[in-house]
N, C-alpha and C. Protein backbone atom coordinates (compact mmCIF):
# COMPACT_ATOMS: atom_id res chain seq x y z
N MET A 1 -26.10 -255.49 -112.63
CA MET A 1 -26.88 -254.77 -111.65
C MET A 1 -27.35 -255.75 -110.57
N LYS A 2 -27.20 -255.36 -109.32
CA LYS A 2 -27.59 -256.22 -108.20
C LYS A 2 -29.07 -256.03 -107.87
N PRO A 3 -29.74 -257.09 -107.46
CA PRO A 3 -31.11 -256.93 -106.96
C PRO A 3 -31.11 -255.99 -105.75
N ARG A 4 -32.20 -255.25 -105.58
CA ARG A 4 -32.32 -254.27 -104.51
C ARG A 4 -33.46 -254.66 -103.59
N PRO A 5 -33.21 -254.60 -102.28
CA PRO A 5 -34.31 -254.89 -101.36
C PRO A 5 -35.33 -253.76 -101.43
N GLY A 6 -36.57 -254.10 -101.60
CA GLY A 6 -37.59 -253.06 -101.72
C GLY A 6 -38.87 -253.47 -101.05
N GLY A 7 -39.72 -252.51 -100.86
CA GLY A 7 -41.01 -252.76 -100.23
C GLY A 7 -42.01 -253.34 -101.22
N LEU A 8 -43.10 -253.79 -100.67
CA LEU A 8 -44.15 -254.43 -101.45
C LEU A 8 -44.73 -253.48 -102.50
N TRP A 9 -44.93 -252.21 -102.12
CA TRP A 9 -45.54 -251.25 -103.04
C TRP A 9 -44.67 -251.07 -104.28
N ALA A 10 -43.36 -250.88 -104.13
CA ALA A 10 -42.45 -250.70 -105.27
C ALA A 10 -42.46 -251.94 -106.15
N LYS A 11 -42.51 -253.12 -105.54
CA LYS A 11 -42.53 -254.36 -106.32
C LYS A 11 -43.83 -254.50 -107.12
N LYS A 12 -44.97 -254.12 -106.52
CA LYS A 12 -46.25 -254.18 -107.23
C LYS A 12 -46.24 -253.25 -108.43
N VAL A 13 -45.72 -252.05 -108.26
CA VAL A 13 -45.66 -251.10 -109.37
C VAL A 13 -44.76 -251.64 -110.47
N ALA A 14 -43.61 -252.20 -110.10
CA ALA A 14 -42.69 -252.77 -111.09
C ALA A 14 -43.38 -253.89 -111.88
N ILE A 15 -44.08 -254.76 -111.20
CA ILE A 15 -44.78 -255.86 -111.87
C ILE A 15 -45.84 -255.32 -112.82
N ASN A 16 -46.62 -254.33 -112.36
CA ASN A 16 -47.66 -253.73 -113.21
C ASN A 16 -47.08 -253.09 -114.46
N ARG A 17 -45.86 -252.63 -114.39
CA ARG A 17 -45.21 -251.98 -115.54
C ARG A 17 -44.37 -252.95 -116.36
N GLY A 18 -44.43 -254.23 -116.02
CA GLY A 18 -43.70 -255.23 -116.77
C GLY A 18 -42.21 -255.23 -116.48
N LEU A 19 -41.80 -254.73 -115.32
CA LEU A 19 -40.39 -254.67 -114.94
C LEU A 19 -40.06 -255.77 -113.94
N ASP A 20 -38.79 -256.04 -113.78
CA ASP A 20 -38.35 -257.05 -112.82
C ASP A 20 -38.41 -256.47 -111.41
N PRO A 21 -39.27 -256.99 -110.54
CA PRO A 21 -39.42 -256.42 -109.20
C PRO A 21 -38.18 -256.57 -108.33
N ALA A 22 -37.24 -257.43 -108.71
CA ALA A 22 -36.01 -257.62 -107.92
C ALA A 22 -35.15 -256.36 -107.95
N TYR A 23 -35.37 -255.49 -108.92
CA TYR A 23 -34.54 -254.29 -109.07
C TYR A 23 -35.27 -253.02 -108.65
N SER A 24 -36.29 -253.14 -107.83
CA SER A 24 -37.04 -251.97 -107.39
C SER A 24 -36.93 -251.82 -105.88
N LYS A 25 -37.10 -250.59 -105.42
CA LYS A 25 -37.16 -250.32 -103.99
C LYS A 25 -38.09 -249.14 -103.77
N ASP A 26 -38.50 -248.91 -102.53
CA ASP A 26 -39.48 -247.87 -102.24
C ASP A 26 -39.02 -246.48 -102.66
N GLY A 27 -37.74 -246.19 -102.55
CA GLY A 27 -37.24 -244.87 -102.94
C GLY A 27 -37.34 -244.59 -104.42
N ASP A 28 -37.61 -245.62 -105.22
CA ASP A 28 -37.77 -245.44 -106.66
C ASP A 28 -39.08 -244.73 -107.00
N LEU A 29 -40.03 -244.75 -106.07
CA LEU A 29 -41.34 -244.16 -106.32
C LEU A 29 -41.46 -242.85 -105.56
N TRP A 30 -41.81 -241.81 -106.28
CA TRP A 30 -42.03 -240.51 -105.65
C TRP A 30 -43.52 -240.26 -105.66
N ARG A 31 -44.08 -240.04 -104.49
CA ARG A 31 -45.52 -239.83 -104.37
C ARG A 31 -45.79 -238.45 -103.79
N ASP A 32 -45.30 -237.42 -104.48
CA ASP A 32 -45.48 -236.05 -104.01
C ASP A 32 -46.86 -235.56 -104.45
N PRO A 33 -47.68 -235.14 -103.50
CA PRO A 33 -49.04 -234.70 -103.86
C PRO A 33 -49.02 -233.39 -104.64
N SER A 34 -49.83 -233.33 -105.65
CA SER A 34 -49.94 -232.10 -106.43
C SER A 34 -50.71 -231.08 -105.60
N PRO A 35 -50.27 -229.82 -105.63
CA PRO A 35 -50.94 -228.80 -104.80
C PRO A 35 -52.35 -228.52 -105.27
N GLY A 36 -53.22 -228.29 -104.32
CA GLY A 36 -54.58 -227.86 -104.62
C GLY A 36 -55.44 -228.89 -105.33
N MET A 37 -55.33 -230.14 -104.93
CA MET A 37 -56.15 -231.17 -105.56
C MET A 37 -57.49 -231.29 -104.84
N GLY A 38 -58.49 -231.75 -105.55
CA GLY A 38 -59.79 -232.02 -104.95
C GLY A 38 -60.44 -230.77 -104.37
N CYS A 39 -60.81 -230.86 -103.11
CA CYS A 39 -61.51 -229.75 -102.48
C CYS A 39 -60.61 -228.54 -102.22
N ASN A 40 -59.29 -228.70 -102.42
CA ASN A 40 -58.36 -227.58 -102.24
C ASN A 40 -57.96 -226.93 -103.55
N SER A 41 -58.72 -227.15 -104.62
CA SER A 41 -58.33 -226.64 -105.93
C SER A 41 -58.23 -225.11 -105.96
N HIS A 42 -58.89 -224.44 -105.06
CA HIS A 42 -58.80 -222.97 -105.01
C HIS A 42 -57.41 -222.50 -104.57
N LEU A 43 -56.58 -223.41 -104.03
CA LEU A 43 -55.23 -223.05 -103.58
C LEU A 43 -54.20 -223.05 -104.71
N ARG A 44 -54.57 -223.58 -105.87
CA ARG A 44 -53.62 -223.64 -106.99
C ARG A 44 -53.31 -222.23 -107.50
N ARG A 45 -52.03 -222.00 -107.77
CA ARG A 45 -51.60 -220.71 -108.31
C ARG A 45 -51.42 -220.76 -109.82
N HIS A 46 -51.43 -221.96 -110.39
CA HIS A 46 -51.20 -222.16 -111.82
C HIS A 46 -51.85 -223.49 -112.21
N PRO A 47 -52.41 -223.60 -113.42
CA PRO A 47 -53.10 -224.83 -113.81
C PRO A 47 -52.20 -226.08 -113.80
N ASN A 48 -50.90 -225.91 -114.04
CA ASN A 48 -49.98 -227.05 -114.09
C ASN A 48 -48.93 -226.98 -112.99
N GLU A 49 -49.31 -226.45 -111.86
CA GLU A 49 -48.37 -226.28 -110.75
C GLU A 49 -47.84 -227.63 -110.26
N LYS A 50 -46.53 -227.69 -110.07
CA LYS A 50 -45.87 -228.91 -109.60
C LYS A 50 -45.68 -228.85 -108.08
N PRO A 51 -45.62 -229.99 -107.43
CA PRO A 51 -45.34 -230.00 -105.99
C PRO A 51 -43.93 -229.48 -105.71
N GLU A 52 -43.79 -228.61 -104.72
CA GLU A 52 -42.47 -228.08 -104.37
C GLU A 52 -41.51 -229.20 -104.01
N SER A 53 -42.00 -230.20 -103.27
CA SER A 53 -41.13 -231.30 -102.85
C SER A 53 -40.58 -232.07 -104.05
N LEU A 54 -41.39 -232.25 -105.08
CA LEU A 54 -40.94 -232.94 -106.29
C LEU A 54 -39.86 -232.12 -107.00
N MET A 55 -40.08 -230.82 -107.12
CA MET A 55 -39.11 -229.98 -107.83
C MET A 55 -37.78 -229.91 -107.06
N VAL A 56 -37.83 -229.91 -105.74
CA VAL A 56 -36.59 -229.94 -104.94
C VAL A 56 -35.82 -231.22 -105.25
N LYS A 57 -36.51 -232.37 -105.29
CA LYS A 57 -35.84 -233.63 -105.60
C LYS A 57 -35.21 -233.60 -106.99
N LEU A 58 -35.94 -233.09 -107.97
CA LEU A 58 -35.42 -233.05 -109.34
C LEU A 58 -34.23 -232.09 -109.48
N VAL A 59 -34.31 -230.95 -108.82
CA VAL A 59 -33.20 -229.99 -108.86
C VAL A 59 -31.95 -230.61 -108.25
N LYS A 60 -32.10 -231.29 -107.12
CA LYS A 60 -30.95 -231.95 -106.47
C LYS A 60 -30.40 -233.07 -107.34
N LEU A 61 -31.28 -233.80 -108.01
CA LEU A 61 -30.87 -234.93 -108.82
C LEU A 61 -30.10 -234.49 -110.08
N CYS A 62 -30.50 -233.38 -110.65
CA CYS A 62 -29.98 -232.97 -111.96
C CYS A 62 -28.87 -231.93 -111.91
N THR A 63 -28.62 -231.32 -110.75
CA THR A 63 -27.62 -230.25 -110.67
C THR A 63 -26.82 -230.36 -109.38
N VAL A 64 -25.77 -229.55 -109.29
CA VAL A 64 -25.02 -229.43 -108.05
C VAL A 64 -25.15 -228.00 -107.55
N MET A 65 -24.91 -227.81 -106.26
CA MET A 65 -25.04 -226.51 -105.64
C MET A 65 -24.22 -225.47 -106.41
N GLY A 66 -24.81 -224.31 -106.64
CA GLY A 66 -24.14 -223.23 -107.34
C GLY A 66 -24.41 -223.18 -108.83
N GLU A 67 -24.96 -224.24 -109.41
CA GLU A 67 -25.28 -224.22 -110.84
C GLU A 67 -26.52 -223.36 -111.08
N THR A 68 -26.76 -223.05 -112.35
CA THR A 68 -27.89 -222.20 -112.73
C THR A 68 -28.89 -223.02 -113.53
N ILE A 69 -30.16 -222.88 -113.17
CA ILE A 69 -31.26 -223.52 -113.90
C ILE A 69 -32.06 -222.42 -114.58
N CYS A 70 -32.35 -222.62 -115.85
CA CYS A 70 -33.21 -221.70 -116.61
C CYS A 70 -34.53 -222.41 -116.88
N ASP A 71 -35.62 -221.79 -116.44
CA ASP A 71 -36.96 -222.34 -116.67
C ASP A 71 -37.67 -221.40 -117.64
N PRO A 72 -37.75 -221.76 -118.93
CA PRO A 72 -38.34 -220.86 -119.92
C PRO A 72 -39.87 -220.76 -119.84
N TYR A 73 -40.49 -221.60 -119.04
CA TYR A 73 -41.94 -221.57 -118.84
C TYR A 73 -42.19 -221.60 -117.33
N MET A 74 -41.84 -220.53 -116.66
CA MET A 74 -41.75 -220.46 -115.20
C MET A 74 -43.08 -220.68 -114.49
N GLY A 75 -44.18 -220.32 -115.10
CA GLY A 75 -45.48 -220.48 -114.43
C GLY A 75 -45.50 -219.75 -113.11
N SER A 76 -45.81 -220.47 -112.03
CA SER A 76 -45.92 -219.84 -110.70
C SER A 76 -44.60 -219.86 -109.93
N GLY A 77 -43.51 -220.34 -110.56
CA GLY A 77 -42.19 -220.23 -109.95
C GLY A 77 -41.75 -221.37 -109.06
N THR A 78 -42.35 -222.54 -109.18
CA THR A 78 -42.00 -223.64 -108.29
C THR A 78 -40.55 -224.09 -108.46
N THR A 79 -40.04 -224.10 -109.69
CA THR A 79 -38.64 -224.47 -109.90
C THR A 79 -37.73 -223.44 -109.24
N GLY A 80 -38.08 -222.19 -109.30
CA GLY A 80 -37.30 -221.15 -108.63
C GLY A 80 -37.27 -221.32 -107.12
N ILE A 81 -38.40 -221.71 -106.55
CA ILE A 81 -38.47 -221.99 -105.11
C ILE A 81 -37.50 -223.12 -104.77
N ALA A 82 -37.52 -224.19 -105.59
CA ALA A 82 -36.62 -225.32 -105.37
C ALA A 82 -35.16 -224.87 -105.46
N CYS A 83 -34.85 -223.99 -106.38
CA CYS A 83 -33.48 -223.49 -106.52
C CYS A 83 -33.06 -222.69 -105.28
N LEU A 84 -33.93 -221.84 -104.79
CA LEU A 84 -33.61 -221.08 -103.57
C LEU A 84 -33.36 -222.00 -102.39
N ARG A 85 -34.15 -223.05 -102.30
CA ARG A 85 -34.03 -223.97 -101.16
C ARG A 85 -32.79 -224.87 -101.23
N THR A 86 -32.23 -225.02 -102.42
CA THR A 86 -31.12 -225.96 -102.58
C THR A 86 -29.81 -225.29 -103.01
N GLY A 87 -29.76 -223.97 -102.99
CA GLY A 87 -28.51 -223.28 -103.30
C GLY A 87 -28.15 -223.25 -104.77
N ARG A 88 -29.15 -223.24 -105.64
CA ARG A 88 -28.92 -223.11 -107.07
C ARG A 88 -29.34 -221.71 -107.52
N ASN A 89 -28.76 -221.25 -108.61
CA ASN A 89 -29.17 -219.98 -109.22
C ASN A 89 -30.34 -220.27 -110.15
N PHE A 90 -31.15 -219.23 -110.41
CA PHE A 90 -32.37 -219.44 -111.17
C PHE A 90 -32.61 -218.29 -112.13
N ILE A 91 -32.97 -218.65 -113.36
CA ILE A 91 -33.44 -217.69 -114.36
C ILE A 91 -34.82 -218.18 -114.78
N GLY A 92 -35.83 -217.34 -114.61
CA GLY A 92 -37.18 -217.73 -114.96
C GLY A 92 -37.76 -216.82 -116.02
N ILE A 93 -38.47 -217.39 -116.98
CA ILE A 93 -39.09 -216.64 -118.07
C ILE A 93 -40.56 -217.05 -118.12
N GLU A 94 -41.44 -216.06 -118.16
CA GLU A 94 -42.88 -216.33 -118.23
C GLU A 94 -43.55 -215.19 -118.98
N LYS A 95 -44.30 -215.53 -120.03
CA LYS A 95 -44.94 -214.49 -120.84
C LYS A 95 -46.27 -214.00 -120.29
N ASP A 96 -46.94 -214.82 -119.48
CA ASP A 96 -48.23 -214.41 -118.91
C ASP A 96 -47.97 -213.49 -117.72
N PRO A 97 -48.42 -212.24 -117.79
CA PRO A 97 -48.14 -211.29 -116.71
C PRO A 97 -48.70 -211.70 -115.35
N THR A 98 -49.84 -212.36 -115.34
CA THR A 98 -50.44 -212.79 -114.08
C THR A 98 -49.58 -213.86 -113.41
N HIS A 99 -49.18 -214.87 -114.19
CA HIS A 99 -48.34 -215.93 -113.64
C HIS A 99 -46.96 -215.38 -113.26
N PHE A 100 -46.44 -214.45 -114.06
CA PHE A 100 -45.14 -213.85 -113.74
C PHE A 100 -45.21 -213.14 -112.38
N ALA A 101 -46.28 -212.37 -112.17
CA ALA A 101 -46.43 -211.65 -110.89
C ALA A 101 -46.55 -212.64 -109.72
N THR A 102 -47.27 -213.73 -109.93
CA THR A 102 -47.39 -214.76 -108.90
C THR A 102 -46.01 -215.34 -108.56
N ALA A 103 -45.24 -215.66 -109.60
CA ALA A 103 -43.90 -216.24 -109.39
C ALA A 103 -42.99 -215.27 -108.66
N VAL A 104 -43.00 -214.01 -109.07
CA VAL A 104 -42.14 -213.01 -108.42
C VAL A 104 -42.50 -212.89 -106.94
N ALA A 105 -43.79 -212.83 -106.63
CA ALA A 105 -44.22 -212.72 -105.23
C ALA A 105 -43.77 -213.95 -104.43
N ARG A 106 -43.94 -215.14 -104.99
CA ARG A 106 -43.53 -216.36 -104.28
C ARG A 106 -42.02 -216.38 -104.05
N LEU A 107 -41.26 -216.02 -105.07
CA LEU A 107 -39.80 -216.03 -104.95
C LEU A 107 -39.32 -215.00 -103.95
N GLN A 108 -39.95 -213.84 -103.94
CA GLN A 108 -39.57 -212.81 -102.97
C GLN A 108 -39.87 -213.28 -101.54
N ARG A 109 -41.04 -213.88 -101.33
CA ARG A 109 -41.38 -214.40 -100.00
C ARG A 109 -40.39 -215.46 -99.55
N GLU A 110 -40.04 -216.35 -100.46
CA GLU A 110 -39.10 -217.44 -100.13
C GLU A 110 -37.72 -216.87 -99.81
N ALA A 111 -37.27 -215.90 -100.60
CA ALA A 111 -35.95 -215.31 -100.39
C ALA A 111 -35.87 -214.57 -99.06
N ILE A 112 -36.94 -213.88 -98.70
CA ILE A 112 -36.97 -213.15 -97.44
C ILE A 112 -37.03 -214.10 -96.25
N GLN A 113 -37.87 -215.14 -96.37
CA GLN A 113 -38.07 -216.08 -95.27
C GLN A 113 -36.81 -216.88 -95.02
N GLY A 114 -36.16 -217.36 -96.08
CA GLY A 114 -34.99 -218.20 -95.89
C GLY A 114 -35.37 -219.56 -95.34
N ARG A 115 -34.39 -220.35 -95.02
CA ARG A 115 -34.63 -221.70 -94.50
C ARG A 115 -34.13 -221.79 -93.07
N LEU A 116 -34.90 -222.40 -92.21
CA LEU A 116 -34.48 -222.63 -90.83
C LEU A 116 -33.67 -223.91 -90.79
N LEU A 117 -32.60 -223.90 -90.04
CA LEU A 117 -31.76 -225.11 -89.93
C LEU A 117 -32.07 -225.87 -88.66
């Protein structure tokens, strides 16, 4: 493995974790803010809601366009949003009726809105 040029922040994190900083770079660190933190906590749709930007990155990293992702604990539907935005198919399962309704509403809004190019 070749050493990678990286920023100071990535190197500091690598050192703090006991890793070789020569093999780190800024893109190795994802700093996606969690929705509804601090004074915006009233904006959260689910107690464990993930950032949409993080889920888009993970969906792109783990799948290719056209594949299907099944989320057996759909919550507020963030993985489904990421699938719509990246051209993946989505199957979501959620037993809590309130969270299921939230996810359906979010997915419908996203599907209707579409993405601007």
